[in-house]
Amino acid sequence: SAFNDDDAFDTDMGWTGKNQFWFSIQSNDKRDNGSEQNGEPNERNDGTGIPAATYEIYNATLIGAGATAGGTANNHGMLLRRYVQAGWYNSIFTDFNGQPLNGGGPQTGAAPSLRDNLWWGFAVPSFTNVLFTEVSFNNATTLDPQLRGISREPDGGLDPLPAVGSPALVGSRPTPRDGFLLDARFKGAFSEMNWASDWTGLSLYGILSSRGGGSPVEQPVLEPSTVTLASASVTGGVLTVSWEGGTGPFVVQKRSSLVDGAWVDALTVNDRSAQIPANEGSGFVRILDLGQ
């Protein structure tokens, strides 16, 4: 959701759905809230709270209109209207020319669940509501998510991936295994892959960086591996690794960076050892047990 004149995301009418991996960025001049959330139809306030909006959002990255942007239009991270019971988890809200919550808190009858999120870069950093002050909610308000680049110009400078060492890459809330949400152990819409890089308007107009581009493929949720590294050595440009445990067959994968780029299959073996070419410089390997 990019450069909308109104809210980036707007919900209404007792919505009870689930979503994951939302991304938005707003223009400096024409914009409203990052998300306007209504529990009942807009402006209705009859006290019934029915139907209540009880949807869940995991892994959103909402970028506002710029914390120092001019203009008078509202640009709060969220407007929480009447009777909304929404849940937002493992998300990033940053660069807003307003407050995290419009008016400092929810409206009549609203009881949202905002947990395990990063809030950073607000022109009015008013974190006084219980949604931020309750320690158990784990809403970090002093940690920069360290997005690699925020730009609204056709310069390829918009890079919403968190940098190495970002607090967005650690301490995420476990994703429910409900058959819909994917296992994503990070906060925000991106980790190491820019899934919006090759098909969105942001990409077409040259605003979005192509770094880390790729198309995500659903991966099975892996249980903790029983594979244990036994030895690793490099001789004559060849890396030899051996391991213990597992059932096999095993896939040895490699890549040049621990956090960037895709893992590349080097070879598949049935034994618990392998030899692969060792490239110059640093590199990383991992072993997947396909039989587990």
C-alpha atoms as a PDB file:
ATOM      1  CA  SER A   1       0.000   0.000   0.000  1.00  0.00           C
ATOM      2  CA  ALA A   2       1.934   3.024  -1.276  1.00  0.00           C
ATOM      3  CA  PHE A   3       1.229   6.786  -1.349  1.00  0.00           C
ATOM      4  CA  ASN A   4      -2.505   6.618  -0.694  1.00  0.00           C
ATOM      5  CA  ASP A   5      -4.268   9.950  -0.048  1.00  0.00           C
ATOM      6  CA  ASP A   6      -6.041   8.426   2.955  1.00  0.00           C
ATOM      7  CA  ASP A   7      -5.074   5.645   5.387  1.00  0.00           C
ATOM      8  CA  ALA A   8      -2.622   3.006   4.246  1.00  0.00           C
ATOM      9  CA  PHE A   9      -4.823   0.233   5.679  1.00  0.00           C
ATOM     10  CA  ASP A  10      -8.454   0.700   6.769  1.00  0.00           C
ATOM     11  CA  THR A  11     -10.664  -1.919   8.397  1.00  0.00           C
ATOM     12  CA  ASP A  12     -14.372  -1.916   9.192  1.00  0.00           C
ATOM     13  CA  MET A  13     -17.612  -3.810   9.753  1.00  0.00           C
ATOM     14  CA  GLY A  14     -16.507  -6.402  12.299  1.00  0.00           C
ATOM     15  CA  TRP A  15     -13.768  -7.974  10.192  1.00  0.00           C
ATOM     16  CA  THR A  16     -12.419 -11.218  11.699  1.00  0.00           C
ATOM     17  CA  GLY A  17      -9.746 -12.211   9.169  1.00  0.00           C
ATOM     18  CA  LYS A  18      -6.027 -12.921   9.336  1.00  0.00           C
ATOM     19  CA  ASN A  19      -3.217 -11.330   7.365  1.00  0.00           C
ATOM     20  CA  GLN A  20       0.560 -11.482   7.303  1.00  0.00           C
ATOM     21  CA  PHE A  21       3.338  -9.485   5.630  1.00  0.00           C
ATOM     22  CA  TRP A  22       1.758  -6.057   5.170  1.00  0.00           C
ATOM     23  CA  PHE A  23       3.935  -3.219   3.880  1.00  0.00           C
ATOM     24  CA  SER A  24       3.038   0.453   3.401  1.00  0.00           C
ATOM     25  CA  ILE A  25       4.730   3.789   2.847  1.00  0.00           C
ATOM     26  CA  GLN A  26       3.050   7.196   2.762  1.00  0.00           C
ATOM     27  CA  SER A  27       3.671  10.396   0.831  1.00  0.00           C
ATOM     28  CA  ASN A  28       4.974  13.538   2.558  1.00  0.00           C
ATOM     29  CA  ASP A  29       1.965  15.598   1.460  1.00  0.00           C
ATOM     30  CA  LYS A  30      -1.193  13.509   0.960  1.00  0.00           C
ATOM     31  CA  ARG A  31      -1.768  11.003   3.726  1.00  0.00           C
ATOM     32  CA  ASP A  32      -3.754  10.132   6.833  1.00  0.00           C
ATOM     33  CA  ASN A  33      -3.141   7.381   9.404  1.00  0.00           C
ATOM     34  CA  GLY A  34      -1.001   4.325   8.905  1.00  0.00           C
ATOM     35  CA  SER A  35      -4.044   2.268   9.814  1.00  0.00           C
ATOM     36  CA  GLU A  36      -7.586   3.329  10.688  1.00  0.00           C
ATOM     37  CA  GLN A  37      -9.389   0.525  12.478  1.00  0.00           C
ATOM     38  CA  ASN A  38     -13.109   0.435  13.081  1.00  0.00           C
ATOM     39  CA  GLY A  39     -14.796  -2.189  15.202  1.00  0.00           C
ATOM     40  CA  GLU A  40     -18.271  -1.195  14.057  1.00  0.00           C
ATOM     41  CA  PRO A  41     -19.237   0.824  10.976  1.00  0.00           C
ATOM     42  CA  ASN A  42     -17.562   4.219  10.896  1.00  0.00           C
ATOM     43  CA  GLU A  43     -18.855   6.667  13.569  1.00  0.00           C
ATOM     44  CA  ARG A  44     -21.472   4.249  14.896  1.00  0.00           C
ATOM     45  CA  ASN A  45     -21.481   4.415  18.699  1.00  0.00           C
ATOM     46  CA  ASP A  46     -24.629   2.736  20.018  1.00  0.00           C
ATOM     47  CA  GLY A  47     -22.828   0.858  22.740  1.00  0.00           C
ATOM     48  CA  THR A  48     -23.395  -2.657  21.476  1.00  0.00           C
ATOM     49  CA  GLY A  49     -19.962  -3.306  20.071  1.00  0.00           C
ATOM     50  CA  ILE A  50     -21.441  -5.877  17.726  1.00  0.00           C
ATOM     51  CA  PRO A  51     -20.045  -7.047  15.438  1.00  0.00           C
ATOM     52  CA  ALA A  52     -16.588  -6.502  16.918  1.00  0.00           C
ATOM     53  CA  ALA A  53     -13.487  -6.538  14.723  1.00  0.00           C
ATOM     54  CA  THR A  54     -11.249  -9.334  16.016  1.00  0.00           C
ATOM     55  CA  TYR A  55      -8.751  -9.740  13.173  1.00  0.00           C
ATOM     56  CA  GLU A  56      -5.025 -10.484  13.540  1.00  0.00           C
ATOM     57  CA  ILE A  57      -2.047  -9.003  11.694  1.00  0.00           C
ATOM     58  CA  TYR A  58       1.423 -10.505  11.896  1.00  0.00           C
ATOM     59  CA  ASN A  59       4.594  -9.056  10.350  1.00  0.00           C
ATOM     60  CA  ALA A  60       3.614  -5.609   9.113  1.00  0.00           C
ATOM     61  CA  THR A  61       5.975  -2.752   8.267  1.00  0.00           C
ATOM     62  CA  LEU A  62       4.189   0.616   8.177  1.00  0.00           C
ATOM     63  CA  ILE A  63       6.253   3.668   7.146  1.00  0.00           C
ATOM     64  CA  GLY A  64       4.532   7.028   7.613  1.00  0.00           C
ATOM     65  CA  ALA A  65       4.852  10.364   5.840  1.00  0.00           C
ATOM     66  CA  GLY A  66       8.123  11.295   7.508  1.00  0.00           C
ATOM     67  CA  ALA A  67       8.611  12.352  11.112  1.00  0.00           C
ATOM     68  CA  THR A  68       9.646  15.851  10.044  1.00  0.00           C
ATOM     69  CA  ALA A  69       7.235  16.251   7.125  1.00  0.00           C
ATOM     70  CA  GLY A  70       5.254  19.457   6.741  1.00  0.00           C
ATOM     71  CA  GLY A  71       1.508  19.845   6.385  1.00  0.00           C
ATOM     72  CA  THR A  72      -1.361  19.530   8.834  1.00  0.00           C
ATOM     73  CA  ALA A  73      -3.008  16.247   7.826  1.00  0.00           C
ATOM     74  CA  ASN A  74      -3.111  13.576  10.546  1.00  0.00           C
ATOM     75  CA  ASN A  75      -0.338  11.062  10.264  1.00  0.00           C
ATOM     76  CA  HIS A  76      -0.540   8.793  13.265  1.00  0.00           C
ATOM     77  CA  GLY A  77       0.577   5.205  13.286  1.00  0.00           C
ATOM     78  CA  MET A  78      -2.913   4.028  14.202  1.00  0.00           C
ATOM     79  CA  LEU A  79      -6.404   5.401  14.690  1.00  0.00           C
ATOM     80  CA  LEU A  80      -8.203   2.906  16.937  1.00  0.00           C
ATOM     81  CA  ARG A  81     -11.930   3.538  16.651  1.00  0.00           C
ATOM     82  CA  ARG A  82     -14.862   2.135  18.586  1.00  0.00           C
ATOM     83  CA  TYR A  83     -15.015  -1.507  19.615  1.00  0.00           C
ATOM     84  CA  VAL A  84     -12.012  -2.659  17.615  1.00  0.00           C
ATOM     85  CA  GLN A  85     -10.472  -5.789  19.144  1.00  0.00           C
ATOM     86  CA  ALA A  86      -7.682  -6.221  16.601  1.00  0.00           C
ATOM     87  CA  GLY A  87      -4.326  -7.865  17.275  1.00  0.00           C
ATOM     88  CA  TRP A  88      -1.049  -6.579  15.782  1.00  0.00           C
ATOM     89  CA  TYR A  89       2.077  -8.627  16.400  1.00  0.00           C
ATOM     90  CA  ASN A  90       5.732  -8.723  15.285  1.00  0.00           C
ATOM     91  CA  SER A  91       5.354  -5.458  13.373  1.00  0.00           C
ATOM     92  CA  ILE A  92       7.278  -2.219  12.744  1.00  0.00           C
ATOM     93  CA  PHE A  93       5.779   1.296  12.815  1.00  0.00           C
ATOM     94  CA  THR A  94       8.171   4.102  11.894  1.00  0.00           C
ATOM     95  CA  ASP A  95       8.647   7.587  10.379  1.00  0.00           C
ATOM     96  CA  PHE A  96       5.240   9.101  11.201  1.00  0.00           C
ATOM     97  CA  ASN A  97       4.522  12.844  11.395  1.00  0.00           C
ATOM     98  CA  GLY A  98       2.278  12.384  14.411  1.00  0.00           C
ATOM     99  CA  GLN A  99       1.670  10.078  17.361  1.00  0.00           C
ATOM    100  CA  PRO A 100       1.809   6.279  17.562  1.00  0.00           C
ATOM    101  CA  LEU A 101      -1.910   6.268  18.475  1.00  0.00           C
ATOM    102  CA  ASN A 102      -4.318   9.046  17.511  1.00  0.00           C
ATOM    103  CA  GLY A 103      -5.374  10.933  20.634  1.00  0.00           C
ATOM    104  CA  GLY A 104      -3.002   8.891  22.753  1.00  0.00           C
ATOM    105  CA  GLY A 105      -5.171   5.787  22.923  1.00  0.00           C
ATOM    106  CA  PRO A 106      -8.170   3.765  21.687  1.00  0.00           C
ATOM    107  CA  GLN A 107     -11.713   5.125  21.453  1.00  0.00           C
ATOM    108  CA  THR A 108     -14.898   3.925  23.168  1.00  0.00           C
ATOM    109  CA  GLY A 109     -15.084   0.172  23.737  1.00  0.00           C
ATOM    110  CA  ALA A 110     -11.838  -0.587  21.900  1.00  0.00           C
ATOM    111  CA  ALA A 111      -9.533  -3.211  23.385  1.00  0.00           C
ATOM    112  CA  PRO A 112      -6.799  -3.951  20.815  1.00  0.00           C
ATOM    113  CA  SER A 113      -3.889  -6.280  21.424  1.00  0.00           C
ATOM    114  CA  LEU A 114      -0.599  -4.669  20.364  1.00  0.00           C
ATOM    115  CA  ARG A 115       2.296  -6.899  21.344  1.00  0.00           C
ATOM    116  CA  ASP A 116       5.897  -7.558  20.395  1.00  0.00           C
ATOM    117  CA  ASN A 117       6.148  -4.584  18.009  1.00  0.00           C
ATOM    118  CA  LEU A 118       8.800  -1.932  17.297  1.00  0.00           C
ATOM    119  CA  TRP A 119       7.682   1.730  17.410  1.00  0.00           C
ATOM    120  CA  TRP A 120      10.306   4.238  16.268  1.00  0.00           C
ATOM    121  CA  GLY A 121      10.492   7.651  14.625  1.00  0.00           C
ATOM    122  CA  PHE A 122       7.399   9.699  15.554  1.00  0.00           C
ATOM    123  CA  ALA A 123       7.159  13.505  15.431  1.00  0.00           C
ATOM    124  CA  VAL A 124       5.127  13.249  18.668  1.00  0.00           C
ATOM    125  CA  PRO A 125       6.530  10.220  20.532  1.00  0.00           C
ATOM    126  CA  SER A 126       3.724   9.909  23.087  1.00  0.00           C
ATOM    127  CA  PHE A 127       4.082   6.436  24.563  1.00  0.00           C
ATOM    128  CA  THR A 128       1.914   6.983  27.631  1.00  0.00           C
ATOM    129  CA  ASN A 129      -0.934   4.586  26.942  1.00  0.00           C
ATOM    130  CA  VAL A 130      -1.027   1.246  28.754  1.00  0.00           C
ATOM    131  CA  LEU A 131      -0.511  -0.501  25.403  1.00  0.00           C
ATOM    132  CA  PHE A 132       3.085   0.760  25.558  1.00  0.00           C
ATOM    133  CA  THR A 133       3.717   0.993  29.286  1.00  0.00           C
ATOM    134  CA  GLU A 134       2.640  -2.568  30.143  1.00  0.00           C
ATOM    135  CA  VAL A 135       5.920  -4.509  30.184  1.00  0.00           C
ATOM    136  CA  SER A 136       4.317  -7.843  29.278  1.00  0.00           C
ATOM    137  CA  PHE A 137       3.099  -6.412  25.951  1.00  0.00           C
ATOM    138  CA  ASN A 138       6.744  -6.057  24.840  1.00  0.00           C
ATOM    139  CA  ASN A 139       6.239  -2.988  22.645  1.00  0.00           C
ATOM    140  CA  ALA A 140       9.710  -1.504  22.183  1.00  0.00           C
ATOM    141  CA  THR A 141       9.658   2.288  21.801  1.00  0.00           C
ATOM    142  CA  THR A 142      13.389   3.053  22.036  1.00  0.00           C
ATOM    143  CA  LEU A 143      14.805   0.586  19.517  1.00  0.00           C
ATOM    144  CA  ASP A 144      15.537   1.695  15.961  1.00  0.00           C
ATOM    145  CA  PRO A 145      14.486  -1.098  13.563  1.00  0.00           C
ATOM    146  CA  GLN A 146      17.364   0.001  11.327  1.00  0.00           C
ATOM    147  CA  LEU A 147      15.598  -0.267   7.995  1.00  0.00           C
ATOM    148  CA  ARG A 148      18.250   0.001   5.304  1.00  0.00           C
ATOM    149  CA  GLY A 149      16.677   2.964   3.527  1.00  0.00           C
ATOM    150  CA  ILE A 150      13.518   5.108   3.425  1.00  0.00           C
ATOM    151  CA  SER A 151      12.932   7.068   0.226  1.00  0.00           C
ATOM    152  CA  ARG A 152       9.889   8.294  -1.647  1.00  0.00           C
ATOM    153  CA  GLU A 153      11.800   9.276  -4.787  1.00  0.00           C
ATOM    154  CA  PRO A 154      12.628   7.216  -7.908  1.00  0.00           C
ATOM    155  CA  ASP A 155      16.196   6.679  -6.728  1.00  0.00           C
ATOM    156  CA  GLY A 156      16.047   3.039  -5.624  1.00  0.00           C
ATOM    157  CA  GLY A 157      16.588   4.195  -2.062  1.00  0.00           C
ATOM    158  CA  LEU A 158      13.582   2.521  -0.452  1.00  0.00           C
ATOM    159  CA  ASP A 159      14.958  -0.610   1.194  1.00  0.00           C
ATOM    160  CA  PRO A 160      12.650  -1.893   3.960  1.00  0.00           C
ATOM    161  CA  LEU A 161      14.884  -4.802   4.925  1.00  0.00           C
ATOM    162  CA  PRO A 162      16.376  -4.520   8.434  1.00  0.00           C
ATOM    163  CA  ALA A 163      20.149  -4.151   8.575  1.00  0.00           C
ATOM    164  CA  VAL A 164      22.425  -6.741  10.139  1.00  0.00           C
ATOM    165  CA  GLY A 165      22.106  -6.444  13.901  1.00  0.00           C
ATOM    166  CA  SER A 166      18.631  -4.883  13.782  1.00  0.00           C
ATOM    167  CA  PRO A 167      16.413  -5.580  16.804  1.00  0.00           C
ATOM    168  CA  ALA A 168      13.766  -6.632  14.268  1.00  0.00           C
ATOM    169  CA  LEU A 169      15.713  -9.836  13.658  1.00  0.00           C
ATOM    170  CA  VAL A 170      15.574 -11.110  17.235  1.00  0.00           C
ATOM    171  CA  GLY A 171      13.003 -11.635  19.974  1.00  0.00           C
ATOM    172  CA  SER A 172       9.925 -12.107  17.828  1.00  0.00           C
ATOM    173  CA  ARG A 173       6.679 -13.564  19.120  1.00  0.00           C
ATOM    174  CA  PRO A 174       6.193 -17.254  18.180  1.00  0.00           C
ATOM    175  CA  THR A 175       3.845 -17.479  15.197  1.00  0.00           C
ATOM    176  CA  PRO A 176       0.731 -19.574  15.865  1.00  0.00           C
ATOM    177  CA  ARG A 177       0.660 -22.819  13.912  1.00  0.00           C
ATOM    178  CA  ASP A 178      -2.874 -22.385  12.674  1.00  0.00           C
ATOM    179  CA  GLY A 179      -2.530 -23.565   9.093  1.00  0.00           C
ATOM    180  CA  PHE A 180      -2.530 -20.022   7.707  1.00  0.00           C
ATOM    181  CA  LEU A 181       0.255 -17.946   9.251  1.00  0.00           C
ATOM    182  CA  LEU A 182       3.780 -18.790   8.171  1.00  0.00           C
ATOM    183  CA  ASP A 183       6.625 -19.283  10.609  1.00  0.00           C
ATOM    184  CA  ALA A 184       8.417 -15.905  10.511  1.00  0.00           C
ATOM    185  CA  ARG A 185      10.993 -15.356  13.242  1.00  0.00           C
ATOM    186  CA  PHE A 186      11.445 -11.624  12.782  1.00  0.00           C
ATOM    187  CA  LYS A 187       9.511  -8.373  13.167  1.00  0.00           C
ATOM    188  CA  GLY A 188       8.181  -6.485  10.170  1.00  0.00           C
ATOM    189  CA  ALA A 189       7.271  -7.590   6.675  1.00  0.00           C
ATOM    190  CA  PHE A 190      10.805  -8.467   5.575  1.00  0.00           C
ATOM    191  CA  SER A 191      13.898 -10.203   6.870  1.00  0.00           C
ATOM    192  CA  GLU A 192      16.510 -11.080   4.254  1.00  0.00           C
ATOM    193  CA  MET A 193      14.346 -11.204   1.120  1.00  0.00           C
ATOM    194  CA  ASN A 194      12.659  -8.269  -0.611  1.00  0.00           C
ATOM    195  CA  TRP A 195       9.589 -10.065  -1.928  1.00  0.00           C
ATOM    196  CA  ALA A 196       8.149  -6.779  -3.351  1.00  0.00           C
ATOM    197  CA  SER A 197      11.150  -6.018  -5.528  1.00  0.00           C
ATOM    198  CA  ASP A 198      10.034  -7.179  -8.970  1.00  0.00           C
ATOM    199  CA  TRP A 199       6.254  -6.796  -9.337  1.00  0.00           C
ATOM    200  CA  THR A 200       4.991  -3.744  -7.433  1.00  0.00           C
ATOM    201  CA  GLY A 201       4.434  -0.179  -8.595  1.00  0.00           C
ATOM    202  CA  LEU A 202       7.175   0.866  -6.180  1.00  0.00           C
ATOM    203  CA  SER A 203       9.540  -1.332  -8.153  1.00  0.00           C
ATOM    204  CA  LEU A 204       8.228  -0.291 -11.580  1.00  0.00           C
ATOM    205  CA  TYR A 205       8.805   3.411 -10.844  1.00  0.00           C
ATOM    206  CA  GLY A 206      12.309   2.839  -9.505  1.00  0.00           C
ATOM    207  CA  ILE A 207      11.518   3.764  -5.902  1.00  0.00           C
ATOM    208  CA  LEU A 208      12.125   0.363  -4.342  1.00  0.00           C
ATOM    209  CA  SER A 209      15.601  -1.125  -4.119  1.00  0.00           C
ATOM    210  CA  SER A 210      16.165  -4.428  -5.877  1.00  0.00           C
ATOM    211  CA  ARG A 211      18.660  -5.613  -3.267  1.00  0.00           C
ATOM    212  CA  GLY A 212      17.686  -8.941  -1.773  1.00  0.00           C
ATOM    213  CA  GLY A 213      14.999  -9.490  -4.392  1.00  0.00           C
ATOM    214  CA  GLY A 214      13.322 -12.836  -4.653  1.00  0.00           C
ATOM    215  CA  SER A 215      10.035 -14.680  -4.656  1.00  0.00           C
ATOM    216  CA  PRO A 216       9.239 -16.377  -1.342  1.00  0.00           C
ATOM    217  CA  VAL A 217       8.417 -20.060  -1.315  1.00  0.00           C
ATOM    218  CA  GLU A 218       6.490 -21.551   1.559  1.00  0.00           C
ATOM    219  CA  GLN A 219       8.804 -23.659   3.672  1.00  0.00           C
ATOM    220  CA  PRO A 220       7.795 -26.365   6.123  1.00  0.00           C
ATOM    221  CA  VAL A 221       8.177 -25.530   9.788  1.00  0.00           C
ATOM    222  CA  LEU A 222      11.258 -27.467  10.888  1.00  0.00           C
ATOM    223  CA  GLU A 223      11.582 -28.927  14.334  1.00  0.00           C
ATOM    224  CA  PRO A 224      14.950 -28.549  16.096  1.00  0.00           C
ATOM    225  CA  SER A 225      17.459 -30.630  14.165  1.00  0.00           C
ATOM    226  CA  THR A 226      19.223 -33.668  15.557  1.00  0.00           C
ATOM    227  CA  VAL A 227      22.193 -33.013  13.258  1.00  0.00           C
ATOM    228  CA  THR A 228      25.373 -32.023  15.125  1.00  0.00           C
ATOM    229  CA  LEU A 229      28.531 -30.766  13.403  1.00  0.00           C
ATOM    230  CA  ALA A 230      31.486 -33.087  14.027  1.00  0.00           C
ATOM    231  CA  SER A 231      34.273 -31.453  12.013  1.00  0.00           C
ATOM    232  CA  ALA A 232      35.024 -28.898   9.310  1.00  0.00           C
ATOM    233  CA  SER A 233      38.283 -28.156   7.525  1.00  0.00           C
ATOM    234  CA  VAL A 234      39.571 -26.551   4.328  1.00  0.00           C
ATOM    235  CA  THR A 235      42.379 -28.141   2.323  1.00  0.00           C
ATOM    236  CA  GLY A 236      43.400 -27.223  -1.202  1.00  0.00           C
ATOM    237  CA  GLY A 237      40.308 -25.116  -1.826  1.00  0.00           C
ATOM    238  CA  VAL A 238      37.923 -27.855  -0.688  1.00  0.00           C
ATOM    239  CA  LEU A 239      35.719 -27.672   2.395  1.00  0.00           C
ATOM    240  CA  THR A 240      35.168 -30.993   4.123  1.00  0.00           C
ATOM    241  CA  VAL A 241      32.390 -31.204   6.696  1.00  0.00           C
ATOM    242  CA  SER A 242      31.079 -34.125   8.701  1.00  0.00           C
ATOM    243  CA  TRP A 243      28.219 -34.408  11.144  1.00  0.00           C
ATOM    244  CA  GLU A 244      26.414 -36.779  13.445  1.00  0.00           C
ATOM    245  CA  GLY A 245      22.744 -37.635  13.917  1.00  0.00           C
ATOM    246  CA  GLY A 246      19.794 -37.288  11.607  1.00  0.00           C
ATOM    247  CA  THR A 247      18.264 -39.791   9.257  1.00  0.00           C
ATOM    248  CA  GLY A 248      19.068 -38.412   5.806  1.00  0.00           C
ATOM    249  CA  PRO A 249      19.209 -37.811   2.985  1.00  0.00           C
ATOM    250  CA  PHE A 250      20.994 -34.516   3.721  1.00  0.00           C
ATOM    251  CA  VAL A 251      21.259 -31.315   1.693  1.00  0.00           C
ATOM    252  CA  VAL A 252      24.362 -29.153   2.110  1.00  0.00           C
ATOM    253  CA  GLN A 253      23.621 -25.506   1.353  1.00  0.00           C
ATOM    254  CA  LYS A 254      25.889 -22.471   1.171  1.00  0.00           C
ATOM    255  CA  ARG A 255      25.850 -18.703   0.791  1.00  0.00           C
ATOM    256  CA  SER A 256      28.340 -15.863   1.206  1.00  0.00           C
ATOM    257  CA  SER A 257      26.442 -13.904   3.878  1.00  0.00           C
ATOM    258  CA  LEU A 258      24.760 -15.067   7.043  1.00  0.00           C
ATOM    259  CA  VAL A 259      21.770 -12.708   6.586  1.00  0.00           C
ATOM    260  CA  ASP A 260      21.632 -11.744   2.885  1.00  0.00           C
ATOM    261  CA  GLY A 261      20.788 -13.714  -0.232  1.00  0.00           C
ATOM    262  CA  ALA A 262      19.304 -17.145  -0.763  1.00  0.00           C
ATOM    263  CA  TRP A 263      20.769 -20.426   0.412  1.00  0.00           C
ATOM    264  CA  VAL A 264      22.046 -22.409  -2.580  1.00  0.00           C
ATOM    265  CA  ASP A 265      22.051 -26.194  -2.681  1.00  0.00           C
ATOM    266  CA  ALA A 266      25.613 -27.485  -3.035  1.00  0.00           C
ATOM    267  CA  LEU A 267      24.866 -31.205  -3.061  1.00  0.00           C
ATOM    268  CA  THR A 268      22.657 -33.932  -1.621  1.00  0.00           C
ATOM    269  CA  VAL A 269      24.212 -36.904   0.169  1.00  0.00           C
ATOM    270  CA  ASN A 270      23.112 -39.961   2.099  1.00  0.00           C
ATOM    271  CA  ASP A 271      26.300 -40.169   4.150  1.00  0.00           C
ATOM    272  CA  ARG A 272      27.162 -37.819   7.007  1.00  0.00           C
ATOM    273  CA  SER A 273      30.029 -36.045   5.286  1.00  0.00           C
ATOM    274  CA  ALA A 274      30.511 -33.897   2.218  1.00  0.00           C
ATOM    275  CA  GLN A 275      33.115 -31.996   0.224  1.00  0.00           C
ATOM    276  CA  ILE A 276      32.346 -28.758  -1.601  1.00  0.00           C
ATOM    277  CA  PRO A 277      34.523 -26.043  -3.209  1.00  0.00           C
ATOM    278  CA  ALA A 278      35.571 -23.383  -0.715  1.00  0.00           C
ATOM    279  CA  ASN A 279      35.295 -19.893  -2.185  1.00  0.00           C
ATOM    280  CA  GLU A 280      37.764 -17.172  -1.243  1.00  0.00           C
ATOM    281  CA  GLY A 281      36.748 -15.052   1.730  1.00  0.00           C
ATOM    282  CA  SER A 282      34.139 -15.927   4.300  1.00  0.00           C
ATOM    283  CA  GLY A 283      31.181 -18.152   3.649  1.00  0.00           C
ATOM    284  CA  PHE A 284      28.510 -20.116   5.446  1.00  0.00           C
ATOM    285  CA  VAL A 285      27.127 -23.624   5.110  1.00  0.00           C
ATOM    286  CA  ARG A 286      24.232 -25.470   6.670  1.00  0.00           C
ATOM    287  CA  ILE A 287      22.974 -29.038   6.597  1.00  0.00           C
ATOM    288  CA  LEU A 288      19.298 -29.904   6.201  1.00  0.00           C
ATOM    289  CA  ASP A 289      17.979 -33.320   7.130  1.00  0.00           C
ATOM    290  CA  LEU A 290      15.347 -34.130   4.513  1.00  0.00           C
ATOM    291  CA  GLY A 291      14.370 -37.280   6.337  1.00  0.00           C
ATOM    292  CA  GLN A 292      13.386 -35.540   9.559  1.00  0.00           C
END
